[in-house]
């Protein structure tokens, strides 16, 4: 068995789906997977920050904010994302705003990043 055939790709394009019908939309978000160095570095930074806070209390709002920021850090770009007729230009801040406002997009991206199988193109 050649293990090189089982190396995941770092990033993929996720086609968004309508939150009710499941139909594919004309919008794509490019994300890094959980095996990528981008994801691993973002997790390490969050762990360091959590240790520095030294708080043993569970803060649900901070946890949600951290989750959204992790997704934003793992977002490489997008196409077809607009509000009204105005295209939303990709940036980390724009990704944070998008994932905060549109929970259904956040859920789709979170699931896609967490599914390792998405990153094995030749499997």
PDB file of N, CA and C in Angstrom:
ATOM      1  N   UNK A   1       0.852  -1.189   0.000  1.00  0.00           N
ATOM      2  CA  UNK A   1       0.000   0.000   0.000  1.00  0.00           C
ATOM      3  C   UNK A   1       0.891   1.244   0.000  1.00  0.00           C
ATOM      4  N   UNK A   2       0.610   2.149  -0.894  1.00  0.00           N
ATOM      5  CA  UNK A   2       1.346   3.401  -1.006  1.00  0.00           C
ATOM      6  C   UNK A   2       0.615   4.462  -0.195  1.00  0.00           C
ATOM      7  N   UNK A   3       1.179   4.831   0.943  1.00  0.00           N
ATOM      8  CA  UNK A   3       0.530   5.813   1.819  1.00  0.00           C
ATOM      9  C   UNK A   3       0.415   7.188   1.179  1.00  0.00           C
ATOM     10  N   UNK A   4       1.269   7.468   0.209  1.00  0.00           N
ATOM     11  CA  UNK A   4       1.169   8.759  -0.476  1.00  0.00           C
ATOM     12  C   UNK A   4      -0.163   8.911  -1.199  1.00  0.00           C
ATOM     13  N   UNK A   5      -0.784   7.793  -1.513  1.00  0.00           N
ATOM     14  CA  UNK A   5      -2.100   7.833  -2.147  1.00  0.00           C
ATOM     15  C   UNK A   5      -3.192   8.211  -1.141  1.00  0.00           C
ATOM     16  N   UNK A   6      -2.838   8.203   0.140  1.00  0.00           N
ATOM     17  CA  UNK A   6      -3.823   8.502   1.184  1.00  0.00           C
ATOM     18  C   UNK A   6      -3.534   9.808   1.914  1.00  0.00           C
ATOM     19  N   UNK A   7      -2.861  10.720   1.244  1.00  0.00           N
ATOM     20  CA  UNK A   7      -2.644  12.048   1.817  1.00  0.00           C
ATOM     21  C   UNK A   7      -3.820  12.948   1.448  1.00  0.00           C
ATOM     22  N   UNK A   8      -4.419  13.611   2.432  1.00  0.00           N
ATOM     23  CA  UNK A   8      -5.523  14.513   2.105  1.00  0.00           C
ATOM     24  C   UNK A   8      -5.013  15.797   1.462  1.00  0.00           C
ATOM     25  N   UNK A   9      -5.870  16.429   0.677  1.00  0.00           N
ATOM     26  CA  UNK A   9      -5.554  17.764   0.159  1.00  0.00           C
ATOM     27  C   UNK A   9      -5.780  18.761   1.286  1.00  0.00           C
ATOM     28  N   UNK A  10      -5.124  19.903   1.221  1.00  0.00           N
ATOM     29  CA  UNK A  10      -5.258  20.906   2.285  1.00  0.00           C
ATOM     30  C   UNK A  10      -6.597  21.629   2.253  1.00  0.00           C
ATOM     31  N   UNK A  11      -7.085  21.900   1.030  1.00  0.00           N
ATOM     32  CA  UNK A  11      -8.298  22.710   0.937  1.00  0.00           C
ATOM     33  C   UNK A  11      -9.205  22.201  -0.179  1.00  0.00           C
ATOM     34  N   UNK A  12     -10.476  22.508  -0.029  1.00  0.00           N
ATOM     35  CA  UNK A  12     -11.485  22.134  -1.024  1.00  0.00           C
ATOM     36  C   UNK A  12     -12.491  23.269  -1.177  1.00  0.00           C
ATOM     37  N   UNK A  13     -13.271  23.199  -2.228  1.00  0.00           N
ATOM     38  CA  UNK A  13     -14.361  24.142  -2.462  1.00  0.00           C
ATOM     39  C   UNK A  13     -15.662  23.477  -2.030  1.00  0.00           C
ATOM     40  N   UNK A  14     -16.397  24.145  -1.162  1.00  0.00           N
ATOM     41  CA  UNK A  14     -17.681  23.643  -0.676  1.00  0.00           C
ATOM     42  C   UNK A  14     -18.786  24.400  -1.397  1.00  0.00           C
ATOM     43  N   UNK A  15     -19.632  23.681  -2.075  1.00  0.00           N
ATOM     44  CA  UNK A  15     -20.793  24.274  -2.749  1.00  0.00           C
ATOM     45  C   UNK A  15     -21.896  24.401  -1.695  1.00  0.00           C
ATOM     46  N   UNK A  16     -22.362  25.618  -1.451  1.00  0.00           N
ATOM     47  CA  UNK A  16     -23.421  25.815  -0.465  1.00  0.00           C
ATOM     48  C   UNK A  16     -24.740  25.244  -0.968  1.00  0.00           C
ATOM     49  N   UNK A  17     -25.549  24.800  -0.020  1.00  0.00           N
ATOM     50  CA  UNK A  17     -26.867  24.255  -0.341  1.00  0.00           C
ATOM     51  C   UNK A  17     -27.945  25.092   0.341  1.00  0.00           C
ATOM     52  N   UNK A  18     -29.085  25.181  -0.303  1.00  0.00           N
ATOM     53  CA  UNK A  18     -30.223  25.902   0.260  1.00  0.00           C
ATOM     54  C   UNK A  18     -30.543  25.284   1.613  1.00  0.00           C
ATOM     55  N   UNK A  19     -30.764  26.105   2.642  1.00  0.00           N
ATOM     56  CA  UNK A  19     -30.970  25.559   3.988  1.00  0.00           C
ATOM     57  C   UNK A  19     -32.252  24.751   4.167  1.00  0.00           C
ATOM     58  N   UNK A  20     -33.200  24.884   3.262  1.00  0.00           N
ATOM     59  CA  UNK A  20     -34.466  24.152   3.391  1.00  0.00           C
ATOM     60  C   UNK A  20     -34.566  23.033   2.368  1.00  0.00           C
ATOM     61  N   UNK A  21     -34.312  23.367   1.109  1.00  0.00           N
ATOM     62  CA  UNK A  21     -34.509  22.386   0.041  1.00  0.00           C
ATOM     63  C   UNK A  21     -33.301  21.479  -0.177  1.00  0.00           C
ATOM     64  N   UNK A  22     -32.127  21.942   0.218  1.00  0.00           N
ATOM     65  CA  UNK A  22     -30.909  21.182  -0.025  1.00  0.00           C
ATOM     66  C   UNK A  22     -30.372  21.318  -1.435  1.00  0.00           C
ATOM     67  N   UNK A  23     -31.035  22.139  -2.258  1.00  0.00           N
ATOM     68  CA  UNK A  23     -30.561  22.362  -3.622  1.00  0.00           C
ATOM     69  C   UNK A  23     -29.235  23.116  -3.591  1.00  0.00           C
ATOM     70  N   UNK A  24     -28.339  22.740  -4.512  1.00  0.00           N
ATOM     71  CA  UNK A  24     -27.064  23.443  -4.602  1.00  0.00           C
ATOM     72  C   UNK A  24     -27.288  24.879  -5.042  1.00  0.00           C
ATOM     73  N   UNK A  25     -26.566  25.794  -4.409  1.00  0.00           N
ATOM     74  CA  UNK A  25     -26.629  27.209  -4.746  1.00  0.00           C
ATOM     75  C   UNK A  25     -25.426  27.576  -5.604  1.00  0.00           C
ATOM     76  N   UNK A  26     -25.494  28.720  -6.225  1.00  0.00           N
ATOM     77  CA  UNK A  26     -24.385  29.198  -7.042  1.00  0.00           C
ATOM     78  C   UNK A  26     -23.416  29.983  -6.166  1.00  0.00           C
ATOM     79  N   UNK A  27     -22.981  29.350  -5.083  1.00  0.00           N
ATOM     80  CA  UNK A  27     -22.053  29.974  -4.141  1.00  0.00           C
ATOM     81  C   UNK A  27     -21.110  28.898  -3.616  1.00  0.00           C
ATOM     82  N   UNK A  28     -19.840  29.239  -3.580  1.00  0.00           N
ATOM     83  CA  UNK A  28     -18.808  28.299  -3.158  1.00  0.00           C
ATOM     84  C   UNK A  28     -17.911  28.961  -2.126  1.00  0.00           C
ATOM     85  N   UNK A  29     -17.569  28.193  -1.091  1.00  0.00           N
ATOM     86  CA  UNK A  29     -16.622  28.668  -0.079  1.00  0.00           C
ATOM     87  C   UNK A  29     -15.455  27.683  -0.049  1.00  0.00           C
ATOM     88  N   UNK A  30     -14.248  28.227  -0.190  1.00  0.00           N
ATOM     89  CA  UNK A  30     -13.033  27.415  -0.163  1.00  0.00           C
ATOM     90  C   UNK A  30     -12.505  27.361   1.266  1.00  0.00           C
ATOM     91  N   UNK A  31     -12.282  26.143   1.759  1.00  0.00           N
ATOM     92  CA  UNK A  31     -11.873  25.973   3.150  1.00  0.00           C
ATOM     93  C   UNK A  31     -10.699  25.009   3.283  1.00  0.00           C
ATOM     94  N   UNK A  32      -9.933  25.208   4.340  1.00  0.00           N
ATOM     95  CA  UNK A  32      -8.874  24.292   4.722  1.00  0.00           C
ATOM     96  C   UNK A  32      -9.470  23.238   5.648  1.00  0.00           C
ATOM     97  N   UNK A  33      -8.983  22.004   5.528  1.00  0.00           N
ATOM     98  CA  UNK A  33      -9.477  20.904   6.343  1.00  0.00           C
ATOM     99  C   UNK A  33      -8.765  20.795   7.671  1.00  0.00           C
ATOM    100  N   UNK A  34      -9.283  19.923   8.531  1.00  0.00           N
ATOM    101  CA  UNK A  34      -8.730  19.789   9.875  1.00  0.00           C
ATOM    102  C   UNK A  34      -7.341  19.155   9.890  1.00  0.00           C
ATOM    103  N   UNK A  35      -6.916  18.537   8.796  1.00  0.00           N
ATOM    104  CA  UNK A  35      -5.562  17.994   8.719  1.00  0.00           C
ATOM    105  C   UNK A  35      -4.560  19.013   8.179  1.00  0.00           C
ATOM    106  N   UNK A  36      -5.024  20.156   7.746  1.00  0.00           N
ATOM    107  CA  UNK A  36      -4.130  21.168   7.172  1.00  0.00           C
ATOM    108  C   UNK A  36      -3.356  21.896   8.272  1.00  0.00           C
ATOM    109  N   UNK A  37      -2.219  22.451   7.898  1.00  0.00           N
ATOM    110  CA  UNK A  37      -1.428  23.236   8.856  1.00  0.00           C
ATOM    111  C   UNK A  37      -2.175  24.501   9.271  1.00  0.00           C
ATOM    112  N   UNK A  38      -2.998  25.042   8.385  1.00  0.00           N
ATOM    113  CA  UNK A  38      -3.780  26.241   8.717  1.00  0.00           C
ATOM    114  C   UNK A  38      -4.722  25.942   9.887  1.00  0.00           C
ATOM    115  N   UNK A  39      -5.457  24.840   9.792  1.00  0.00           N
ATOM    116  CA  UNK A  39      -6.375  24.449  10.863  1.00  0.00           C
ATOM    117  C   UNK A  39      -5.602  24.141  12.147  1.00  0.00           C
ATOM    118  N   UNK A  40      -4.535  23.364  12.023  1.00  0.00           N
ATOM    119  CA  UNK A  40      -3.763  22.969  13.209  1.00  0.00           C
ATOM    120  C   UNK A  40      -3.168  24.188  13.919  1.00  0.00           C
ATOM    121  N   UNK A  41      -2.653  25.154  13.162  1.00  0.00           N
ATOM    122  CA  UNK A  41      -2.110  26.372  13.775  1.00  0.00           C
ATOM    123  C   UNK A  41      -3.200  27.199  14.448  1.00  0.00           C
ATOM    124  N   UNK A  42      -4.370  27.274  13.839  1.00  0.00           N
ATOM    125  CA  UNK A  42      -5.485  28.025  14.436  1.00  0.00           C
ATOM    126  C   UNK A  42      -5.917  27.385  15.750  1.00  0.00           C
ATOM    127  N   UNK A  43      -5.947  26.064  15.802  1.00  0.00           N
ATOM    128  CA  UNK A  43      -6.313  25.354  17.035  1.00  0.00           C
ATOM    129  C   UNK A  43      -5.276  25.620  18.128  1.00  0.00           C
ATOM    130  N   UNK A  44      -4.005  25.573  17.769  1.00  0.00           N
ATOM    131  CA  UNK A  44      -2.932  25.826  18.750  1.00  0.00           C
ATOM    132  C   UNK A  44      -3.033  27.230  19.325  1.00  0.00           C
ATOM    133  N   UNK A  45      -3.314  28.215  18.465  1.00  0.00           N
ATOM    134  CA  UNK A  45      -3.433  29.593  18.937  1.00  0.00           C
ATOM    135  C   UNK A  45      -4.596  29.740  19.917  1.00  0.00           C
ATOM    136  N   UNK A  46      -5.710  29.069  19.633  1.00  0.00           N
ATOM    137  CA  UNK A  46      -6.858  29.131  20.534  1.00  0.00           C
ATOM    138  C   UNK A  46      -6.563  28.458  21.867  1.00  0.00           C
ATOM    139  N   UNK A  47      -5.849  27.359  21.816  1.00  0.00           N
ATOM    140  CA  UNK A  47      -5.483  26.655  23.048  1.00  0.00           C
ATOM    141  C   UNK A  47      -4.573  27.524  23.908  1.00  0.00           C
ATOM    142  N   UNK A  48      -3.606  28.185  23.289  1.00  0.00           N
ATOM    143  CA  UNK A  48      -2.711  29.076  24.018  1.00  0.00           C
ATOM    144  C   UNK A  48      -3.488  30.231  24.653  1.00  0.00           C
ATOM    145  N   UNK A  49      -4.419  30.793  23.910  1.00  0.00           N
ATOM    146  CA  UNK A  49      -5.227  31.901  24.433  1.00  0.00           C
ATOM    147  C   UNK A  49      -6.093  31.443  25.601  1.00  0.00           C
ATOM    148  N   UNK A  50      -6.645  30.252  25.494  1.00  0.00           N
ATOM    149  CA  UNK A  50      -7.491  29.724  26.567  1.00  0.00           C
ATOM    150  C   UNK A  50      -6.665  29.479  27.829  1.00  0.00           C
ATOM    151  N   UNK A  51      -5.467  28.964  27.673  1.00  0.00           N
ATOM    152  CA  UNK A  51      -4.586  28.746  28.819  1.00  0.00           C
ATOM    153  C   UNK A  51      -4.221  30.086  29.448  1.00  0.00           C
ATOM    154  N   UNK A  52      -3.954  31.092  28.625  1.00  0.00           N
ATOM    155  CA  UNK A  52      -3.588  32.417  29.129  1.00  0.00           C
ATOM    156  C   UNK A  52      -4.725  33.051  29.915  1.00  0.00           C
ATOM    157  N   UNK A  53      -5.977  32.765  29.525  1.00  0.00           N
ATOM    158  CA  UNK A  53      -7.126  33.335  30.250  1.00  0.00           C
ATOM    159  C   UNK A  53      -7.280  32.718  31.628  1.00  0.00           C
ATOM    160  N   UNK A  54      -6.839  31.479  31.783  1.00  0.00           N
ATOM    161  CA  UNK A  54      -6.868  30.754  33.053  1.00  0.00           C
ATOM    162  C   UNK A  54      -8.247  30.689  33.679  1.00  0.00           C
ATOM    163  N   UNK A  55      -9.264  30.815  32.898  1.00  0.00           N
ATOM    164  CA  UNK A  55     -10.629  30.770  33.416  1.00  0.00           C
ATOM    165  C   UNK A  55     -11.157  29.348  33.358  1.00  0.00           C
ATOM    166  N   UNK A  56     -11.736  28.905  34.447  1.00  0.00           N
ATOM    167  CA  UNK A  56     -12.329  27.575  34.490  1.00  0.00           C
ATOM    168  C   UNK A  56     -13.828  27.635  34.185  1.00  0.00           C
ATOM    169  N   UNK A  57     -14.363  28.846  34.098  1.00  0.00           N
ATOM    170  CA  UNK A  57     -15.781  29.019  33.793  1.00  0.00           C
ATOM    171  C   UNK A  57     -16.024  28.770  32.311  1.00  0.00           C
ATOM    172  N   UNK A  58     -17.142  28.152  32.027  1.00  0.00           N
ATOM    173  CA  UNK A  58     -17.539  27.932  30.633  1.00  0.00           C
ATOM    174  C   UNK A  58     -18.324  29.154  30.182  1.00  0.00           C
ATOM    175  N   UNK A  59     -17.838  29.790  29.145  1.00  0.00           N
ATOM    176  CA  UNK A  59     -18.480  30.976  28.593  1.00  0.00           C
ATOM    177  C   UNK A  59     -18.988  30.620  27.200  1.00  0.00           C
ATOM    178  N   UNK A  60     -20.288  30.379  27.100  1.00  0.00           N
ATOM    179  CA  UNK A  60     -20.857  29.924  25.836  1.00  0.00           C
ATOM    180  C   UNK A  60     -20.689  30.941  24.719  1.00  0.00           C
ATOM    181  N   UNK A  61     -20.800  32.225  25.055  1.00  0.00           N
ATOM    182  CA  UNK A  61     -20.628  33.256  24.030  1.00  0.00           C
ATOM    183  C   UNK A  61     -19.200  33.265  23.492  1.00  0.00           C
ATOM    184  N   UNK A  62     -18.224  33.102  24.376  1.00  0.00           N
ATOM    185  CA  UNK A  62     -16.828  33.047  23.932  1.00  0.00           C
ATOM    186  C   UNK A  62     -16.573  31.799  23.099  1.00  0.00           C
ATOM    187  N   UNK A  63     -17.184  30.691  23.492  1.00  0.00           N
ATOM    188  CA  UNK A  63     -17.023  29.454  22.726  1.00  0.00           C
ATOM    189  C   UNK A  63     -17.574  29.611  21.316  1.00  0.00           C
ATOM    190  N   UNK A  64     -18.740  30.247  21.198  1.00  0.00           N
ATOM    191  CA  UNK A  64     -19.325  30.461  19.874  1.00  0.00           C
ATOM    192  C   UNK A  64     -18.444  31.398  19.051  1.00  0.00           C
ATOM    193  N   UNK A  65     -17.965  32.447  19.676  1.00  0.00           N
ATOM    194  CA  UNK A  65     -17.079  33.399  18.991  1.00  0.00           C
ATOM    195  C   UNK A  65     -15.809  32.693  18.518  1.00  0.00           C
ATOM    196  N   UNK A  66     -15.228  31.856  19.381  1.00  0.00           N
ATOM    197  CA  UNK A  66     -14.023  31.109  19.007  1.00  0.00           C
ATOM    198  C   UNK A  66     -14.296  30.172  17.834  1.00  0.00           C
ATOM    199  N   UNK A  67     -15.452  29.524  17.849  1.00  0.00           N
ATOM    200  CA  UNK A  67     -15.811  28.609  16.753  1.00  0.00           C
ATOM    201  C   UNK A  67     -15.935  29.356  15.433  1.00  0.00           C
ATOM    202  N   UNK A  68     -16.579  30.509  15.477  1.00  0.00           N
ATOM    203  CA  UNK A  68     -16.745  31.323  14.269  1.00  0.00           C
ATOM    204  C   UNK A  68     -15.387  31.804  13.767  1.00  0.00           C
ATOM    205  N   UNK A  69     -14.528  32.242  14.676  1.00  0.00           N
ATOM    206  CA  UNK A  69     -13.202  32.712  14.276  1.00  0.00           C
ATOM    207  C   UNK A  69     -12.361  31.575  13.698  1.00  0.00           C
ATOM    208  N   UNK A  70     -12.499  30.369  14.253  1.00  0.00           N
ATOM    209  CA  UNK A  70     -11.781  29.215  13.710  1.00  0.00           C
ATOM    210  C   UNK A  70     -12.224  28.946  12.273  1.00  0.00           C
ATOM    211  N   UNK A  71     -13.526  28.986  12.030  1.00  0.00           N
ATOM    212  CA  UNK A  71     -14.024  28.783  10.670  1.00  0.00           C
ATOM    213  C   UNK A  71     -13.506  29.880   9.739  1.00  0.00           C
ATOM    214  N   UNK A  72     -13.499  31.113  10.223  1.00  0.00           N
ATOM    215  CA  UNK A  72     -12.999  32.231   9.408  1.00  0.00           C
ATOM    216  C   UNK A  72     -11.514  32.042   9.093  1.00  0.00           C
ATOM    217  N   UNK A  73     -10.745  31.585  10.084  1.00  0.00           N
ATOM    218  CA  UNK A  73      -9.323  31.351   9.864  1.00  0.00           C
ATOM    219  C   UNK A  73      -9.084  30.242   8.839  1.00  0.00           C
ATOM    220  N   UNK A  74     -10.020  29.319   8.750  1.00  0.00           N
ATOM    221  CA  UNK A  74      -9.889  28.186   7.824  1.00  0.00           C
ATOM    222  C   UNK A  74     -10.568  28.450   6.485  1.00  0.00           C
ATOM    223  N   UNK A  75     -11.091  29.640   6.304  1.00  0.00           N
ATOM    224  CA  UNK A  75     -11.724  29.997   5.035  1.00  0.00           C
ATOM    225  C   UNK A  75     -10.692  30.676   4.150  1.00  0.00           C
ATOM    226  N   UNK A  76     -10.537  30.126   2.966  1.00  0.00           N
ATOM    227  CA  UNK A  76      -9.524  30.589   2.029  1.00  0.00           C
ATOM    228  C   UNK A  76     -10.073  31.640   1.068  1.00  0.00           C
ATOM    229  N   UNK A  77     -11.370  31.613   0.835  1.00  0.00           N
ATOM    230  CA  UNK A  77     -11.990  32.548  -0.093  1.00  0.00           C
ATOM    231  C   UNK A  77     -13.368  32.045  -0.463  1.00  0.00           C
ATOM    232  N   UNK A  78     -14.046  32.773  -1.361  1.00  0.00           N
ATOM    233  CA  UNK A  78     -15.372  32.343  -1.814  1.00  0.00           C
ATOM    234  C   UNK A  78     -15.730  32.996  -3.119  1.00  0.00           C
ATOM    235  N   UNK A  79     -16.794  32.491  -3.714  1.00  0.00           N
ATOM    236  CA  UNK A  79     -17.353  33.106  -4.916  1.00  0.00           C
ATOM    237  C   UNK A  79     -18.867  32.968  -4.855  1.00  0.00           C
ATOM    238  N   UNK A  80     -19.546  33.929  -5.437  1.00  0.00           N
ATOM    239  CA  UNK A  80     -20.998  33.891  -5.495  1.00  0.00           C
ATOM    240  C   UNK A  80     -21.686  34.281  -4.199  1.00  0.00           C
ATOM    241  N   UNK A  81     -20.981  34.923  -3.292  1.00  0.00           N
ATOM    242  CA  UNK A  81     -21.571  35.342  -2.011  1.00  0.00           C
ATOM    243  C   UNK A  81     -21.935  36.822  -2.118  1.00  0.00           C
ATOM    244  N   UNK A  82     -23.223  37.114  -1.960  1.00  0.00           N
ATOM    245  CA  UNK A  82     -23.698  38.495  -2.077  1.00  0.00           C
ATOM    246  C   UNK A  82     -24.875  38.716  -1.133  1.00  0.00           C
ATOM    247  N   UNK A  83     -25.079  39.964  -0.783  1.00  0.00           N
ATOM    248  CA  UNK A  83     -26.288  40.382  -0.061  1.00  0.00           C
ATOM    249  C   UNK A  83     -26.976  41.400  -0.954  1.00  0.00           C
ATOM    250  N   UNK A  84     -28.238  41.100  -1.274  1.00  0.00           N
ATOM    251  CA  UNK A  84     -28.915  41.922  -2.272  1.00  0.00           C
ATOM    252  C   UNK A  84     -28.184  41.710  -3.579  1.00  0.00           C
ATOM    253  N   UNK A  85     -27.802  42.766  -4.216  1.00  0.00           N
ATOM    254  CA  UNK A  85     -27.053  42.634  -5.471  1.00  0.00           C
ATOM    255  C   UNK A  85     -25.583  42.984  -5.280  1.00  0.00           C
ATOM    256  N   UNK A  86     -25.171  43.158  -4.017  1.00  0.00           N
ATOM    257  CA  UNK A  86     -23.795  43.557  -3.749  1.00  0.00           C
ATOM    258  C   UNK A  86     -22.958  42.353  -3.316  1.00  0.00           C
ATOM    259  N   UNK A  87     -21.917  42.089  -4.091  1.00  0.00           N
ATOM    260  CA  UNK A  87     -20.999  40.998  -3.766  1.00  0.00           C
ATOM    261  C   UNK A  87     -20.280  41.305  -2.448  1.00  0.00           C
ATOM    262  N   UNK A  88     -20.129  40.294  -1.622  1.00  0.00           N
ATOM    263  CA  UNK A  88     -19.361  40.430  -0.385  1.00  0.00           C
ATOM    264  C   UNK A  88     -17.925  40.031  -0.704  1.00  0.00           C
ATOM    265  N   UNK A  89     -17.025  40.983  -0.570  1.00  0.00           N
ATOM    266  CA  UNK A  89     -15.613  40.728  -0.838  1.00  0.00           C
ATOM    267  C   UNK A  89     -15.048  39.920   0.331  1.00  0.00           C
ATOM    268  N   UNK A  90     -14.307  38.862   0.004  1.00  0.00           N
ATOM    269  CA  UNK A  90     -13.762  37.999   1.041  1.00  0.00           C
ATOM    270  C   UNK A  90     -12.687  38.697   1.856  1.00  0.00           C
ATOM    271  N   UNK A  91     -12.774  38.520   3.147  1.00  0.00           N
ATOM    272  CA  UNK A  91     -11.727  38.862   4.107  1.00  0.00           C
ATOM    273  C   UNK A  91     -12.039  38.055   5.362  1.00  0.00           C
ATOM    274  N   UNK A  92     -11.109  38.000   6.274  1.00  0.00           N
ATOM    275  CA  UNK A  92     -11.367  37.286   7.531  1.00  0.00           C
ATOM    276  C   UNK A  92     -12.543  37.926   8.260  1.00  0.00           C
ATOM    277  N   UNK A  93     -12.551  39.243   8.328  1.00  0.00           N
ATOM    278  CA  UNK A  93     -13.653  39.945   9.003  1.00  0.00           C
ATOM    279  C   UNK A  93     -14.994  39.685   8.313  1.00  0.00           C
ATOM    280  N   UNK A  94     -14.975  39.651   6.981  1.00  0.00           N
ATOM    281  CA  UNK A  94     -16.214  39.367   6.244  1.00  0.00           C
ATOM    282  C   UNK A  94     -16.675  37.941   6.522  1.00  0.00           C
ATOM    283  N   UNK A  95     -15.734  37.012   6.651  1.00  0.00           N
ATOM    284  CA  UNK A  95     -16.088  35.621   6.967  1.00  0.00           C
ATOM    285  C   UNK A  95     -16.697  35.533   8.368  1.00  0.00           C
ATOM    286  N   UNK A  96     -16.128  36.244   9.323  1.00  0.00           N
ATOM    287  CA  UNK A  96     -16.685  36.266  10.680  1.00  0.00           C
ATOM    288  C   UNK A  96     -18.110  36.806  10.645  1.00  0.00           C
ATOM    289  N   UNK A  97     -18.313  37.895   9.922  1.00  0.00           N
ATOM    290  CA  UNK A  97     -19.657  38.484   9.813  1.00  0.00           C
ATOM    291  C   UNK A  97     -20.626  37.516   9.137  1.00  0.00           C
ATOM    292  N   UNK A  98     -20.175  36.856   8.071  1.00  0.00           N
ATOM    293  CA  UNK A  98     -21.027  35.909   7.341  1.00  0.00           C
ATOM    294  C   UNK A  98     -21.439  34.748   8.241  1.00  0.00           C
ATOM    295  N   UNK A  99     -20.480  34.152   8.934  1.00  0.00           N
ATOM    296  CA  UNK A  99     -20.772  32.994   9.785  1.00  0.00           C
ATOM    297  C   UNK A  99     -21.575  33.371  11.022  1.00  0.00           C
ATOM    298  N   UNK A 100     -21.463  34.617  11.450  1.00  0.00           N
ATOM    299  CA  UNK A 100     -22.250  35.085  12.591  1.00  0.00           C
ATOM    300  C   UNK A 100     -23.709  35.308  12.179  1.00  0.00           C
ATOM    301  N   UNK A 101     -23.911  35.937  11.038  1.00  0.00           N
ATOM    302  CA  UNK A 101     -25.260  36.291  10.588  1.00  0.00           C
ATOM    303  C   UNK A 101     -26.016  35.101  10.007  1.00  0.00           C
ATOM    304  N   UNK A 102     -25.326  34.252   9.249  1.00  0.00           N
ATOM    305  CA  UNK A 102     -25.983  33.147   8.556  1.00  0.00           C
ATOM    306  C   UNK A 102     -25.547  31.811   9.174  1.00  0.00           C
ATOM    307  N   UNK A 103     -26.268  31.415  10.203  1.00  0.00           N
ATOM    308  CA  UNK A 103     -25.911  30.190  10.934  1.00  0.00           C
ATOM    309  C   UNK A 103     -25.951  28.957  10.045  1.00  0.00           C
ATOM    310  N   UNK A 104     -26.850  28.941   9.061  1.00  0.00           N
ATOM    311  CA  UNK A 104     -26.944  27.780   8.178  1.00  0.00           C
ATOM    312  C   UNK A 104     -25.696  27.629   7.327  1.00  0.00           C
ATOM    313  N   UNK A 105     -25.062  28.741   6.953  1.00  0.00           N
ATOM    314  CA  UNK A 105     -23.798  28.664   6.222  1.00  0.00           C
ATOM    315  C   UNK A 105     -22.715  28.159   7.161  1.00  0.00           C
ATOM    316  N   UNK A 106     -22.674  28.712   8.359  1.00  0.00           N
ATOM    317  CA  UNK A 106     -21.687  28.287   9.356  1.00  0.00           C
ATOM    318  C   UNK A 106     -21.782  26.781   9.602  1.00  0.00           C
ATOM    319  N   UNK A 107     -22.994  26.264   9.732  1.00  0.00           N
ATOM    320  CA  UNK A 107     -23.182  24.833   9.982  1.00  0.00           C
ATOM    321  C   UNK A 107     -22.664  23.998   8.812  1.00  0.00           C
ATOM    322  N   UNK A 108     -22.962  24.406   7.582  1.00  0.00           N
ATOM    323  CA  UNK A 108     -22.500  23.651   6.417  1.00  0.00           C
ATOM    324  C   UNK A 108     -20.979  23.630   6.334  1.00  0.00           C
ATOM    325  N   UNK A 109     -20.358  24.760   6.606  1.00  0.00           N
ATOM    326  CA  UNK A 109     -18.900  24.843   6.531  1.00  0.00           C
ATOM    327  C   UNK A 109     -18.265  24.049   7.666  1.00  0.00           C
ATOM    328  N   UNK A 110     -18.824  24.147   8.849  1.00  0.00           N
ATOM    329  CA  UNK A 110     -18.304  23.401  10.004  1.00  0.00           C
ATOM    330  C   UNK A 110     -18.360  21.892   9.738  1.00  0.00           C
ATOM    331  N   UNK A 111     -19.470  21.422   9.217  1.00  0.00           N
ATOM    332  CA  UNK A 111     -19.618  19.997   8.906  1.00  0.00           C
ATOM    333  C   UNK A 111     -18.622  19.583   7.821  1.00  0.00           C
ATOM    334  N   UNK A 112     -18.481  20.405   6.799  1.00  0.00           N
ATOM    335  CA  UNK A 112     -17.577  20.072   5.688  1.00  0.00           C
ATOM    336  C   UNK A 112     -16.125  19.991   6.151  1.00  0.00           C
ATOM    337  N   UNK A 113     -15.697  20.954   6.975  1.00  0.00           N
ATOM    338  CA  UNK A 113     -14.320  20.949   7.474  1.00  0.00           C
ATOM    339  C   UNK A 113     -14.088  19.724   8.356  1.00  0.00           C
ATOM    340  N   UNK A 114     -15.068  19.361   9.142  1.00  0.00           N
ATOM    341  CA  UNK A 114     -14.934  18.233  10.058  1.00  0.00           C
ATOM    342  C   UNK A 114     -14.997  16.871   9.410  1.00  0.00           C
ATOM    343  N   UNK A 115     -15.442  16.801   8.175  1.00  0.00           N
ATOM    344  CA  UNK A 115     -15.563  15.517   7.489  1.00  0.00           C
ATOM    345  C   UNK A 115     -14.297  15.253   6.677  1.00  0.00           C
ATOM    346  N   UNK A 116     -13.405  14.479   7.250  1.00  0.00           N
ATOM    347  CA  UNK A 116     -12.109  14.192   6.639  1.00  0.00           C
ATOM    348  C   UNK A 116     -12.260  13.632   5.215  1.00  0.00           C
ATOM    349  N   UNK A 117     -13.309  12.869   4.985  1.00  0.00           N
ATOM    350  CA  UNK A 117     -13.520  12.258   3.665  1.00  0.00           C
ATOM    351  C   UNK A 117     -13.600  13.302   2.552  1.00  0.00           C
ATOM    352  N   UNK A 118     -14.061  14.508   2.858  1.00  0.00           N
ATOM    353  CA  UNK A 118     -14.135  15.567   1.845  1.00  0.00           C
ATOM    354  C   UNK A 118     -12.775  15.917   1.270  1.00  0.00           C
ATOM    355  N   UNK A 119     -11.705  15.657   2.017  1.00  0.00           N
ATOM    356  CA  UNK A 119     -10.371  16.090   1.641  1.00  0.00           C
ATOM    357  C   UNK A 119      -9.537  14.980   1.008  1.00  0.00           C
ATOM    358  N   UNK A 120     -10.165  13.834   0.792  1.00  0.00           N
ATOM    359  CA  UNK A 120      -9.504  12.732   0.094  1.00  0.00           C
ATOM    360  C   UNK A 120     -10.132  12.620  -1.288  1.00  0.00           C
ATOM    361  N   UNK A 121      -9.531  13.300  -2.226  1.00  0.00           N
ATOM    362  CA  UNK A 121     -10.077  13.409  -3.573  1.00  0.00           C
ATOM    363  C   UNK A 121     -10.003  12.062  -4.312  1.00  0.00           C
ATOM    364  N   UNK A 122      -8.939  11.327  -4.098  1.00  0.00           N
ATOM    365  CA  UNK A 122      -8.740  10.071  -4.831  1.00  0.00           C
ATOM    366  C   UNK A 122      -9.237   8.838  -4.096  1.00  0.00           C
ATOM    367  N   UNK A 123      -9.898   9.013  -2.979  1.00  0.00           N
ATOM    368  CA  UNK A 123     -10.317   7.835  -2.178  1.00  0.00           C
ATOM    369  C   UNK A 123     -11.470   7.115  -2.806  1.00  0.00           C
TER     370      UNK A 123
END
